[in-house]
N, C-alpha and C. Protein backbone atom coordinates (compact mmCIF):
# COMPACT_ATOMS: atom_id res chain seq x y z
N UNK A 1 -80.00 -65.01 -58.12
CA UNK A 1 -79.04 -64.00 -57.76
C UNK A 1 -77.62 -64.49 -57.98
N UNK A 2 -77.36 -65.78 -57.62
CA UNK A 2 -76.02 -66.33 -57.81
C UNK A 2 -75.65 -66.39 -59.30
N UNK A 3 -76.65 -66.69 -60.14
CA UNK A 3 -76.38 -66.73 -61.58
C UNK A 3 -75.91 -65.38 -62.07
N UNK A 4 -76.56 -64.33 -61.63
CA UNK A 4 -76.21 -62.98 -62.05
C UNK A 4 -74.80 -62.63 -61.59
N UNK A 5 -74.46 -62.96 -60.34
CA UNK A 5 -73.11 -62.68 -59.83
C UNK A 5 -72.09 -63.46 -60.63
N UNK A 6 -72.36 -64.75 -60.91
CA UNK A 6 -71.42 -65.58 -61.67
C UNK A 6 -71.20 -65.00 -63.06
N UNK A 7 -72.26 -64.66 -63.76
CA UNK A 7 -72.12 -64.15 -65.11
C UNK A 7 -71.44 -62.78 -65.12
N UNK A 8 -71.64 -61.97 -64.09
CA UNK A 8 -70.91 -60.69 -63.99
C UNK A 8 -69.42 -60.96 -63.82
N UNK A 9 -69.07 -61.91 -62.96
CA UNK A 9 -67.66 -62.24 -62.75
C UNK A 9 -67.02 -62.79 -64.02
N UNK A 10 -67.72 -63.69 -64.70
CA UNK A 10 -67.20 -64.24 -65.95
C UNK A 10 -67.03 -63.14 -66.99
N UNK A 11 -68.00 -62.23 -67.08
CA UNK A 11 -67.93 -61.13 -68.05
C UNK A 11 -66.74 -60.23 -67.76
N UNK A 12 -66.52 -59.90 -66.49
CA UNK A 12 -65.38 -59.05 -66.14
C UNK A 12 -64.08 -59.77 -66.45
N UNK A 13 -64.00 -61.07 -66.11
CA UNK A 13 -62.79 -61.84 -66.40
C UNK A 13 -62.51 -61.88 -67.90
N UNK A 14 -63.51 -62.18 -68.71
CA UNK A 14 -63.32 -62.23 -70.15
C UNK A 14 -62.91 -60.87 -70.71
N UNK A 15 -63.53 -59.79 -70.21
CA UNK A 15 -63.18 -58.45 -70.67
C UNK A 15 -61.72 -58.15 -70.37
N UNK A 16 -61.28 -58.47 -69.14
CA UNK A 16 -59.89 -58.21 -68.78
C UNK A 16 -58.93 -59.11 -69.56
N UNK A 17 -59.28 -60.41 -69.68
CA UNK A 17 -58.41 -61.35 -70.37
C UNK A 17 -58.26 -60.99 -71.84
N UNK A 18 -59.37 -60.69 -72.49
CA UNK A 18 -59.32 -60.33 -73.91
C UNK A 18 -58.73 -58.93 -74.09
N UNK A 19 -58.96 -58.05 -73.14
CA UNK A 19 -58.44 -56.69 -73.23
C UNK A 19 -56.93 -56.64 -73.15
N UNK A 20 -56.30 -57.63 -72.51
CA UNK A 20 -54.85 -57.65 -72.43
C UNK A 20 -54.21 -57.91 -73.78
N UNK A 21 -54.96 -58.45 -74.71
CA UNK A 21 -54.41 -58.77 -76.02
C UNK A 21 -54.45 -57.59 -76.99
N UNK A 22 -55.05 -56.49 -76.58
CA UNK A 22 -55.13 -55.32 -77.44
C UNK A 22 -53.79 -54.59 -77.40
N UNK A 23 -53.27 -54.23 -78.53
CA UNK A 23 -52.01 -53.49 -78.56
C UNK A 23 -52.24 -52.13 -79.20
N UNK A 24 -51.38 -51.19 -78.84
CA UNK A 24 -51.48 -49.84 -79.35
C UNK A 24 -50.23 -49.53 -80.17
N UNK A 25 -50.41 -48.85 -81.30
CA UNK A 25 -49.29 -48.49 -82.17
C UNK A 25 -48.51 -47.36 -81.52
N UNK A 26 -47.18 -47.44 -81.62
CA UNK A 26 -46.30 -46.41 -81.08
C UNK A 26 -45.22 -46.11 -82.10
N UNK A 27 -44.66 -44.91 -82.00
CA UNK A 27 -43.58 -44.55 -82.91
C UNK A 27 -42.31 -45.34 -82.62
N UNK A 28 -42.00 -45.52 -81.35
CA UNK A 28 -40.80 -46.24 -80.96
C UNK A 28 -41.21 -47.53 -80.25
N UNK A 29 -41.16 -48.67 -80.95
CA UNK A 29 -41.59 -49.91 -80.31
C UNK A 29 -40.67 -50.28 -79.15
N UNK A 30 -41.27 -50.82 -78.10
CA UNK A 30 -40.50 -51.25 -76.94
C UNK A 30 -39.73 -52.51 -77.30
N UNK A 31 -38.59 -52.72 -76.67
CA UNK A 31 -37.84 -53.95 -76.95
C UNK A 31 -38.64 -55.17 -76.53
N UNK A 32 -38.57 -56.21 -77.33
CA UNK A 32 -39.33 -57.42 -77.03
C UNK A 32 -38.61 -58.25 -75.97
N UNK A 33 -39.38 -58.94 -75.18
CA UNK A 33 -38.84 -59.77 -74.12
C UNK A 33 -38.95 -61.23 -74.54
N UNK A 34 -37.98 -62.02 -74.15
CA UNK A 34 -38.02 -63.45 -74.43
C UNK A 34 -39.03 -64.16 -73.53
N UNK A 35 -39.45 -63.50 -72.46
CA UNK A 35 -40.39 -64.11 -71.52
C UNK A 35 -41.66 -64.58 -72.23
N UNK A 36 -42.30 -63.69 -72.99
CA UNK A 36 -43.59 -64.03 -73.61
C UNK A 36 -43.45 -65.04 -74.73
N UNK A 37 -42.26 -65.18 -75.27
CA UNK A 37 -42.04 -66.21 -76.30
C UNK A 37 -42.06 -67.61 -75.69
N UNK A 38 -41.84 -67.69 -74.37
CA UNK A 38 -41.80 -68.99 -73.69
C UNK A 38 -43.10 -69.31 -72.94
N UNK A 39 -44.10 -68.45 -73.05
CA UNK A 39 -45.38 -68.66 -72.38
C UNK A 39 -46.36 -69.28 -73.37
N UNK A 40 -47.04 -70.33 -72.92
CA UNK A 40 -48.09 -70.95 -73.73
C UNK A 40 -49.39 -70.89 -72.96
N UNK A 41 -50.49 -70.70 -73.70
CA UNK A 41 -51.82 -70.58 -73.10
C UNK A 41 -52.68 -71.77 -73.50
N UNK A 42 -53.57 -72.13 -72.61
CA UNK A 42 -54.51 -73.23 -72.88
C UNK A 42 -55.68 -73.11 -71.93
N UNK A 43 -56.36 -74.21 -71.75
CA UNK A 43 -57.48 -74.20 -70.81
C UNK A 43 -58.63 -75.02 -71.31
N UNK A 44 -59.77 -74.79 -70.67
CA UNK A 44 -60.96 -75.56 -71.00
C UNK A 44 -62.18 -74.66 -70.97
N UNK A 45 -63.09 -74.94 -71.89
CA UNK A 45 -64.40 -74.31 -71.90
C UNK A 45 -65.39 -75.45 -72.07
N UNK A 46 -66.36 -75.51 -71.19
CA UNK A 46 -67.35 -76.58 -71.28
C UNK A 46 -68.75 -76.05 -71.08
N UNK A 47 -69.68 -76.55 -71.87
CA UNK A 47 -71.09 -76.18 -71.73
C UNK A 47 -71.93 -77.41 -71.97
N UNK A 48 -72.94 -77.58 -71.12
CA UNK A 48 -73.84 -78.70 -71.23
C UNK A 48 -75.24 -78.18 -70.90
N UNK A 49 -76.14 -78.25 -71.84
CA UNK A 49 -77.49 -77.74 -71.64
C UNK A 49 -78.50 -78.83 -71.95
N UNK A 50 -79.49 -78.93 -71.11
CA UNK A 50 -80.59 -79.88 -71.33
C UNK A 50 -81.87 -79.26 -70.84
N UNK A 51 -82.96 -80.01 -70.92
CA UNK A 51 -84.25 -79.46 -70.49
C UNK A 51 -84.28 -79.18 -69.00
N UNK A 52 -83.56 -79.98 -68.21
CA UNK A 52 -83.54 -79.80 -66.76
C UNK A 52 -82.15 -79.54 -66.20
N UNK A 53 -81.13 -79.53 -67.04
CA UNK A 53 -79.76 -79.47 -66.54
C UNK A 53 -78.95 -78.43 -67.31
N UNK A 54 -78.13 -77.68 -66.57
CA UNK A 54 -77.23 -76.69 -67.16
C UNK A 54 -75.87 -76.80 -66.47
N UNK A 55 -74.81 -76.78 -67.26
CA UNK A 55 -73.46 -76.76 -66.71
C UNK A 55 -72.58 -75.89 -67.61
N UNK A 56 -71.83 -74.97 -67.00
CA UNK A 56 -70.92 -74.09 -67.72
C UNK A 56 -69.59 -74.07 -66.97
N UNK A 57 -68.48 -74.27 -67.69
CA UNK A 57 -67.15 -74.26 -67.08
C UNK A 57 -66.22 -73.40 -67.92
N UNK A 58 -65.42 -72.60 -67.24
CA UNK A 58 -64.38 -71.79 -67.87
C UNK A 58 -63.11 -71.98 -67.05
N UNK A 59 -62.02 -72.45 -67.69
CA UNK A 59 -60.79 -72.76 -66.97
C UNK A 59 -59.56 -72.39 -67.81
N UNK A 60 -59.18 -71.11 -67.85
CA UNK A 60 -57.97 -70.72 -68.58
C UNK A 60 -56.71 -71.07 -67.80
N UNK A 61 -55.60 -71.29 -68.52
CA UNK A 61 -54.33 -71.57 -67.86
C UNK A 61 -53.18 -71.09 -68.74
N UNK A 62 -52.03 -70.95 -68.11
CA UNK A 62 -50.82 -70.53 -68.82
C UNK A 62 -49.63 -71.24 -68.20
N UNK A 63 -48.66 -71.62 -69.04
CA UNK A 63 -47.44 -72.24 -68.55
C UNK A 63 -46.23 -71.53 -69.16
N UNK A 64 -45.14 -71.56 -68.42
CA UNK A 64 -43.88 -70.98 -68.87
C UNK A 64 -42.92 -72.12 -69.10
N UNK A 65 -42.37 -72.22 -70.32
CA UNK A 65 -41.41 -73.27 -70.66
C UNK A 65 -40.00 -72.81 -70.30
N UNK A 66 -39.42 -73.37 -69.25
CA UNK A 66 -38.04 -73.04 -68.88
C UNK A 66 -37.06 -73.59 -69.91
N UNK A 67 -37.35 -74.79 -70.38
CA UNK A 67 -36.59 -75.44 -71.45
C UNK A 67 -37.49 -76.52 -72.02
N UNK A 68 -36.97 -77.37 -72.88
CA UNK A 68 -37.83 -78.38 -73.51
C UNK A 68 -38.23 -79.50 -72.55
N UNK A 69 -37.63 -79.52 -71.35
CA UNK A 69 -37.91 -80.59 -70.40
C UNK A 69 -38.81 -80.18 -69.22
N UNK A 70 -38.91 -78.88 -68.94
CA UNK A 70 -39.62 -78.46 -67.73
C UNK A 70 -40.43 -77.20 -67.96
N UNK A 71 -41.69 -77.20 -67.45
CA UNK A 71 -42.59 -76.04 -67.53
C UNK A 71 -43.31 -75.89 -66.20
N UNK A 72 -43.69 -74.65 -65.90
CA UNK A 72 -44.41 -74.33 -64.68
C UNK A 72 -45.54 -73.38 -65.03
N UNK A 73 -46.72 -73.56 -64.41
CA UNK A 73 -47.84 -72.71 -64.79
C UNK A 73 -48.90 -72.55 -63.72
N UNK A 74 -49.91 -71.73 -64.07
CA UNK A 74 -51.04 -71.45 -63.18
C UNK A 74 -52.33 -71.61 -63.97
N UNK A 75 -53.41 -71.84 -63.26
CA UNK A 75 -54.72 -71.95 -63.90
C UNK A 75 -55.82 -71.44 -62.99
N UNK A 76 -56.90 -71.03 -63.59
CA UNK A 76 -58.11 -70.62 -62.88
C UNK A 76 -59.25 -71.53 -63.32
N UNK A 77 -60.26 -71.65 -62.46
CA UNK A 77 -61.41 -72.46 -62.84
C UNK A 77 -62.67 -71.89 -62.23
N UNK A 78 -63.71 -71.86 -63.02
CA UNK A 78 -65.03 -71.47 -62.54
C UNK A 78 -66.06 -72.36 -63.21
N UNK A 79 -66.95 -72.95 -62.40
CA UNK A 79 -67.99 -73.83 -62.93
C UNK A 79 -69.32 -73.53 -62.26
N UNK A 80 -70.36 -73.67 -63.03
CA UNK A 80 -71.72 -73.55 -62.51
C UNK A 80 -72.52 -74.74 -63.04
N UNK A 81 -73.26 -75.39 -62.14
CA UNK A 81 -74.12 -76.51 -62.56
C UNK A 81 -75.44 -76.41 -61.83
N UNK A 82 -76.51 -76.77 -62.54
CA UNK A 82 -77.84 -76.72 -61.96
C UNK A 82 -78.69 -77.81 -62.57
N UNK A 83 -79.40 -78.53 -61.70
CA UNK A 83 -80.44 -79.44 -62.15
C UNK A 83 -81.75 -78.92 -61.55
N UNK A 84 -82.70 -78.65 -62.42
CA UNK A 84 -83.95 -77.99 -62.01
C UNK A 84 -84.64 -78.76 -60.88
N UNK A 85 -85.02 -78.02 -59.85
CA UNK A 85 -85.72 -78.55 -58.67
C UNK A 85 -84.91 -79.60 -57.90
N UNK A 86 -83.57 -79.62 -58.11
CA UNK A 86 -82.77 -80.61 -57.40
C UNK A 86 -81.57 -79.96 -56.71
N UNK A 87 -80.65 -79.35 -57.50
CA UNK A 87 -79.49 -78.72 -56.88
C UNK A 87 -78.91 -77.64 -57.78
N UNK A 88 -78.06 -76.83 -57.14
CA UNK A 88 -77.30 -75.79 -57.84
C UNK A 88 -75.93 -75.75 -57.19
N UNK A 89 -74.85 -75.70 -57.99
CA UNK A 89 -73.51 -75.66 -57.42
C UNK A 89 -72.62 -74.67 -58.17
N UNK A 90 -71.68 -74.12 -57.42
CA UNK A 90 -70.64 -73.23 -57.93
C UNK A 90 -69.30 -73.79 -57.49
N UNK A 91 -68.36 -73.87 -58.41
CA UNK A 91 -67.01 -74.31 -58.09
C UNK A 91 -66.06 -73.28 -58.69
N UNK A 92 -65.15 -72.77 -57.87
CA UNK A 92 -64.19 -71.79 -58.38
C UNK A 92 -62.89 -71.90 -57.59
N UNK A 93 -61.79 -71.58 -58.24
CA UNK A 93 -60.49 -71.65 -57.58
C UNK A 93 -59.36 -71.59 -58.56
N UNK A 94 -58.21 -72.11 -58.15
CA UNK A 94 -57.02 -72.04 -58.99
C UNK A 94 -56.12 -73.24 -58.78
N UNK A 95 -55.06 -73.28 -59.60
CA UNK A 95 -54.11 -74.39 -59.51
C UNK A 95 -52.72 -73.94 -59.94
N UNK A 96 -51.74 -74.68 -59.46
CA UNK A 96 -50.35 -74.56 -59.88
C UNK A 96 -49.98 -75.89 -60.50
N UNK A 97 -49.24 -75.85 -61.61
CA UNK A 97 -48.89 -77.10 -62.29
C UNK A 97 -47.42 -77.08 -62.72
N UNK A 98 -46.77 -78.21 -62.56
CA UNK A 98 -45.41 -78.41 -63.04
C UNK A 98 -45.44 -79.57 -64.04
N UNK A 99 -44.84 -79.35 -65.20
CA UNK A 99 -44.81 -80.36 -66.26
C UNK A 99 -43.36 -80.73 -66.57
N UNK A 100 -43.13 -82.00 -66.80
CA UNK A 100 -41.80 -82.47 -67.18
C UNK A 100 -41.94 -83.40 -68.37
N UNK A 101 -41.07 -83.23 -69.37
CA UNK A 101 -41.06 -84.09 -70.55
C UNK A 101 -39.70 -84.79 -70.61
N UNK A 102 -39.52 -85.88 -69.84
CA UNK A 102 -38.22 -86.53 -69.79
C UNK A 102 -37.81 -87.17 -71.12
N UNK A 103 -38.79 -87.62 -71.90
CA UNK A 103 -38.54 -88.12 -73.25
C UNK A 103 -39.61 -87.53 -74.17
N UNK A 104 -39.39 -87.61 -75.46
CA UNK A 104 -40.21 -86.89 -76.44
C UNK A 104 -41.72 -87.12 -76.32
N UNK A 105 -42.16 -88.31 -75.98
CA UNK A 105 -43.59 -88.60 -75.99
C UNK A 105 -44.23 -88.69 -74.61
N UNK A 106 -43.45 -88.57 -73.53
CA UNK A 106 -43.96 -88.74 -72.18
C UNK A 106 -43.99 -87.41 -71.43
N UNK A 107 -45.14 -87.08 -70.85
CA UNK A 107 -45.25 -85.89 -70.01
C UNK A 107 -45.69 -86.30 -68.62
N UNK A 108 -44.91 -85.91 -67.62
CA UNK A 108 -45.24 -86.15 -66.22
C UNK A 108 -45.71 -84.83 -65.62
N UNK A 109 -46.66 -84.88 -64.68
CA UNK A 109 -47.18 -83.64 -64.11
C UNK A 109 -47.43 -83.78 -62.62
N UNK A 110 -47.31 -82.64 -61.94
CA UNK A 110 -47.70 -82.49 -60.55
C UNK A 110 -48.56 -81.23 -60.52
N UNK A 111 -49.78 -81.35 -59.97
CA UNK A 111 -50.69 -80.21 -59.95
C UNK A 111 -51.34 -80.08 -58.58
N UNK A 112 -51.25 -78.87 -58.03
CA UNK A 112 -51.91 -78.55 -56.77
C UNK A 112 -53.12 -77.69 -57.10
N UNK A 113 -54.30 -78.17 -56.72
CA UNK A 113 -55.56 -77.49 -57.06
C UNK A 113 -56.32 -77.16 -55.78
N UNK A 114 -56.79 -75.91 -55.68
CA UNK A 114 -57.59 -75.47 -54.54
C UNK A 114 -58.90 -74.92 -55.08
N UNK A 115 -60.02 -75.57 -54.75
CA UNK A 115 -61.33 -75.19 -55.26
C UNK A 115 -62.31 -74.94 -54.12
N UNK A 116 -63.12 -73.93 -54.28
CA UNK A 116 -64.22 -73.65 -53.36
C UNK A 116 -65.49 -74.24 -53.96
N UNK A 117 -66.23 -74.96 -53.17
CA UNK A 117 -67.43 -75.66 -53.63
C UNK A 117 -68.62 -75.13 -52.84
N UNK A 118 -69.60 -74.57 -53.54
CA UNK A 118 -70.84 -74.09 -52.93
C UNK A 118 -71.99 -74.86 -53.57
N UNK A 119 -72.80 -75.52 -52.75
CA UNK A 119 -73.92 -76.29 -53.30
C UNK A 119 -75.18 -76.02 -52.48
N UNK A 120 -76.30 -75.96 -53.18
CA UNK A 120 -77.61 -75.87 -52.56
C UNK A 120 -78.45 -77.02 -53.09
N UNK A 121 -78.82 -77.92 -52.21
CA UNK A 121 -79.69 -79.03 -52.58
C UNK A 121 -81.11 -78.69 -52.19
N UNK A 122 -82.05 -79.01 -53.06
CA UNK A 122 -83.46 -78.71 -52.80
C UNK A 122 -84.29 -79.97 -52.60
N UNK A 123 -83.71 -81.14 -52.91
CA UNK A 123 -84.48 -82.38 -52.83
C UNK A 123 -83.61 -83.47 -52.25
N UNK A 124 -83.99 -84.29 -51.38
CA UNK A 124 -85.30 -84.41 -50.73
C UNK A 124 -85.49 -83.37 -49.63
N UNK A 125 -84.39 -82.85 -49.05
CA UNK A 125 -84.52 -81.76 -48.09
C UNK A 125 -83.61 -80.62 -48.57
N UNK A 126 -83.92 -79.41 -48.19
CA UNK A 126 -83.11 -78.27 -48.61
C UNK A 126 -81.96 -78.06 -47.64
N UNK A 127 -80.75 -78.00 -48.17
CA UNK A 127 -79.58 -77.66 -47.35
C UNK A 127 -78.52 -77.03 -48.25
N UNK A 128 -77.62 -76.29 -47.61
CA UNK A 128 -76.51 -75.66 -48.31
C UNK A 128 -75.21 -76.15 -47.71
N UNK A 129 -74.18 -76.24 -48.55
CA UNK A 129 -72.86 -76.67 -48.09
C UNK A 129 -71.81 -75.87 -48.83
N UNK A 130 -70.82 -75.35 -48.11
CA UNK A 130 -69.70 -74.62 -48.68
C UNK A 130 -68.42 -75.17 -48.07
N UNK A 131 -67.47 -75.54 -48.91
CA UNK A 131 -66.19 -76.02 -48.38
C UNK A 131 -65.09 -75.85 -49.42
N UNK A 132 -63.85 -75.88 -48.93
CA UNK A 132 -62.68 -75.86 -49.81
C UNK A 132 -62.27 -77.30 -50.07
N UNK A 133 -61.80 -77.56 -51.28
CA UNK A 133 -61.35 -78.88 -51.67
C UNK A 133 -59.93 -78.75 -52.23
N UNK A 134 -58.98 -79.46 -51.64
CA UNK A 134 -57.60 -79.42 -52.10
C UNK A 134 -57.26 -80.74 -52.76
N UNK A 135 -56.65 -80.66 -53.92
CA UNK A 135 -56.20 -81.86 -54.62
C UNK A 135 -54.74 -81.75 -55.00
N UNK A 136 -54.00 -82.83 -54.84
CA UNK A 136 -52.61 -82.91 -55.29
C UNK A 136 -52.54 -84.07 -56.26
N UNK A 137 -52.37 -83.74 -57.53
CA UNK A 137 -52.46 -84.73 -58.61
C UNK A 137 -51.08 -85.07 -59.15
N UNK A 138 -50.82 -86.35 -59.30
CA UNK A 138 -49.65 -86.85 -60.01
C UNK A 138 -50.16 -87.46 -61.31
N UNK A 139 -49.59 -87.04 -62.43
CA UNK A 139 -50.12 -87.51 -63.70
C UNK A 139 -49.05 -87.93 -64.68
N UNK A 140 -49.49 -88.67 -65.68
CA UNK A 140 -48.63 -89.09 -66.78
C UNK A 140 -49.49 -89.14 -68.04
N UNK A 141 -48.86 -88.75 -69.16
CA UNK A 141 -49.62 -88.76 -70.39
C UNK A 141 -48.75 -88.85 -71.61
N UNK A 142 -49.38 -89.18 -72.72
CA UNK A 142 -48.73 -89.22 -74.02
C UNK A 142 -48.75 -87.81 -74.58
N UNK A 143 -47.57 -87.31 -74.95
CA UNK A 143 -47.39 -85.93 -75.38
C UNK A 143 -47.01 -85.91 -76.86
N UNK A 144 -47.76 -85.11 -77.65
CA UNK A 144 -47.45 -84.96 -79.07
C UNK A 144 -47.83 -83.54 -79.50
N UNK A 145 -46.84 -82.76 -79.89
CA UNK A 145 -47.11 -81.39 -80.30
C UNK A 145 -47.62 -80.55 -79.15
N UNK A 146 -48.81 -80.00 -79.30
CA UNK A 146 -49.42 -79.17 -78.25
C UNK A 146 -50.40 -79.93 -77.38
N UNK A 147 -50.59 -81.22 -77.62
CA UNK A 147 -51.63 -81.99 -76.95
C UNK A 147 -51.03 -83.10 -76.10
N UNK A 148 -51.60 -83.27 -74.89
CA UNK A 148 -51.24 -84.38 -74.01
C UNK A 148 -52.52 -85.08 -73.59
N UNK A 149 -52.54 -86.40 -73.68
CA UNK A 149 -53.66 -87.22 -73.24
C UNK A 149 -53.13 -88.16 -72.18
N UNK A 150 -53.78 -88.18 -71.01
CA UNK A 150 -53.28 -89.04 -69.95
C UNK A 150 -54.24 -89.21 -68.80
N UNK A 151 -53.68 -89.60 -67.68
CA UNK A 151 -54.47 -89.82 -66.46
C UNK A 151 -53.69 -89.25 -65.29
N UNK A 152 -54.44 -88.76 -64.28
CA UNK A 152 -53.81 -88.23 -63.08
C UNK A 152 -54.49 -88.82 -61.85
N UNK A 153 -53.75 -88.86 -60.75
CA UNK A 153 -54.24 -89.46 -59.52
C UNK A 153 -54.14 -88.44 -58.39
N UNK A 154 -55.22 -88.25 -57.62
CA UNK A 154 -55.25 -87.33 -56.50
C UNK A 154 -54.77 -88.06 -55.25
N UNK A 155 -53.55 -87.74 -54.80
CA UNK A 155 -52.99 -88.42 -53.62
C UNK A 155 -53.65 -87.95 -52.32
N UNK A 156 -54.41 -86.84 -52.34
CA UNK A 156 -55.11 -86.35 -51.16
C UNK A 156 -56.60 -86.73 -51.17
N UNK A 157 -56.98 -87.63 -52.03
CA UNK A 157 -58.40 -87.98 -52.21
C UNK A 157 -59.01 -88.55 -50.93
N UNK A 158 -60.26 -88.13 -50.66
CA UNK A 158 -61.09 -88.77 -49.65
C UNK A 158 -62.52 -88.78 -50.17
N UNK A 159 -63.39 -89.54 -49.56
CA UNK A 159 -64.74 -89.73 -50.09
C UNK A 159 -65.63 -88.49 -49.99
N UNK A 160 -65.22 -87.47 -49.25
CA UNK A 160 -66.01 -86.24 -49.12
C UNK A 160 -65.65 -85.21 -50.18
N UNK A 161 -65.03 -85.62 -51.25
CA UNK A 161 -64.53 -84.73 -52.29
C UNK A 161 -65.58 -84.32 -53.30
N UNK A 162 -65.17 -83.38 -54.14
CA UNK A 162 -66.00 -82.98 -55.27
C UNK A 162 -66.07 -84.12 -56.28
N UNK A 163 -64.94 -84.78 -56.53
CA UNK A 163 -64.87 -85.84 -57.53
C UNK A 163 -65.19 -87.19 -56.90
N UNK A 164 -65.82 -88.07 -57.68
CA UNK A 164 -66.23 -89.37 -57.17
C UNK A 164 -65.06 -90.35 -57.05
N UNK A 165 -64.01 -90.18 -57.85
CA UNK A 165 -62.88 -91.11 -57.88
C UNK A 165 -61.57 -90.33 -57.82
N UNK A 166 -60.50 -90.95 -57.32
CA UNK A 166 -59.20 -90.27 -57.31
C UNK A 166 -58.51 -90.24 -58.68
N UNK A 167 -58.91 -91.12 -59.58
CA UNK A 167 -58.33 -91.18 -60.93
C UNK A 167 -59.13 -90.28 -61.86
N UNK A 168 -58.46 -89.39 -62.58
CA UNK A 168 -59.13 -88.50 -63.52
C UNK A 168 -58.37 -88.48 -64.85
N UNK A 169 -59.01 -88.87 -65.94
CA UNK A 169 -58.37 -88.73 -67.25
C UNK A 169 -58.32 -87.25 -67.63
N UNK A 170 -57.38 -86.89 -68.50
CA UNK A 170 -57.28 -85.48 -68.92
C UNK A 170 -56.79 -85.38 -70.35
N UNK A 171 -57.10 -84.23 -70.95
CA UNK A 171 -56.56 -83.82 -72.24
C UNK A 171 -56.08 -82.39 -72.04
N UNK A 172 -54.80 -82.13 -72.26
CA UNK A 172 -54.25 -80.78 -72.15
C UNK A 172 -53.85 -80.28 -73.52
N UNK A 173 -54.19 -79.01 -73.78
CA UNK A 173 -53.80 -78.39 -75.04
C UNK A 173 -53.23 -77.01 -74.69
N UNK A 174 -52.00 -76.75 -75.11
CA UNK A 174 -51.35 -75.45 -74.92
C UNK A 174 -50.81 -74.96 -76.26
N UNK A 175 -51.03 -73.67 -76.51
CA UNK A 175 -50.55 -73.05 -77.76
C UNK A 175 -49.50 -72.01 -77.46
């Protein structure tokens, strides 16, 4: 049942997201705004399938470039993972991110992430757990063109988290 709800939500999100890109011809074009010229889109799509394991992630994001040194943005995330006869989990939520490029090749970031985690374990005993997970990440990376490769640290990390470690490597791509 959860799979069906998840795929319905993803389908509606994709329909709305892709539907926003459709334009209609008009006799008198509206004046263009500089706002959309400064918005860049990116995100992540991940899929992992095996004989006993399935994982699907969709995480779109957008940032607004105030100038060449500072950007601010938002992101969404939805993940589903299942290992047959062991567990099933759903992770969904959003984030706010601030990016700074003090010099040409260095990107610094601050990201606040709020995720809801729902898990059902079936082995060795059956139990369910639902909780919110908040992360505040400070990051640094090498920036070139549209791509940044780096590492970030969760200053709010504790051992009851979704992630096993406070350090997380990342690759960001915005177009």
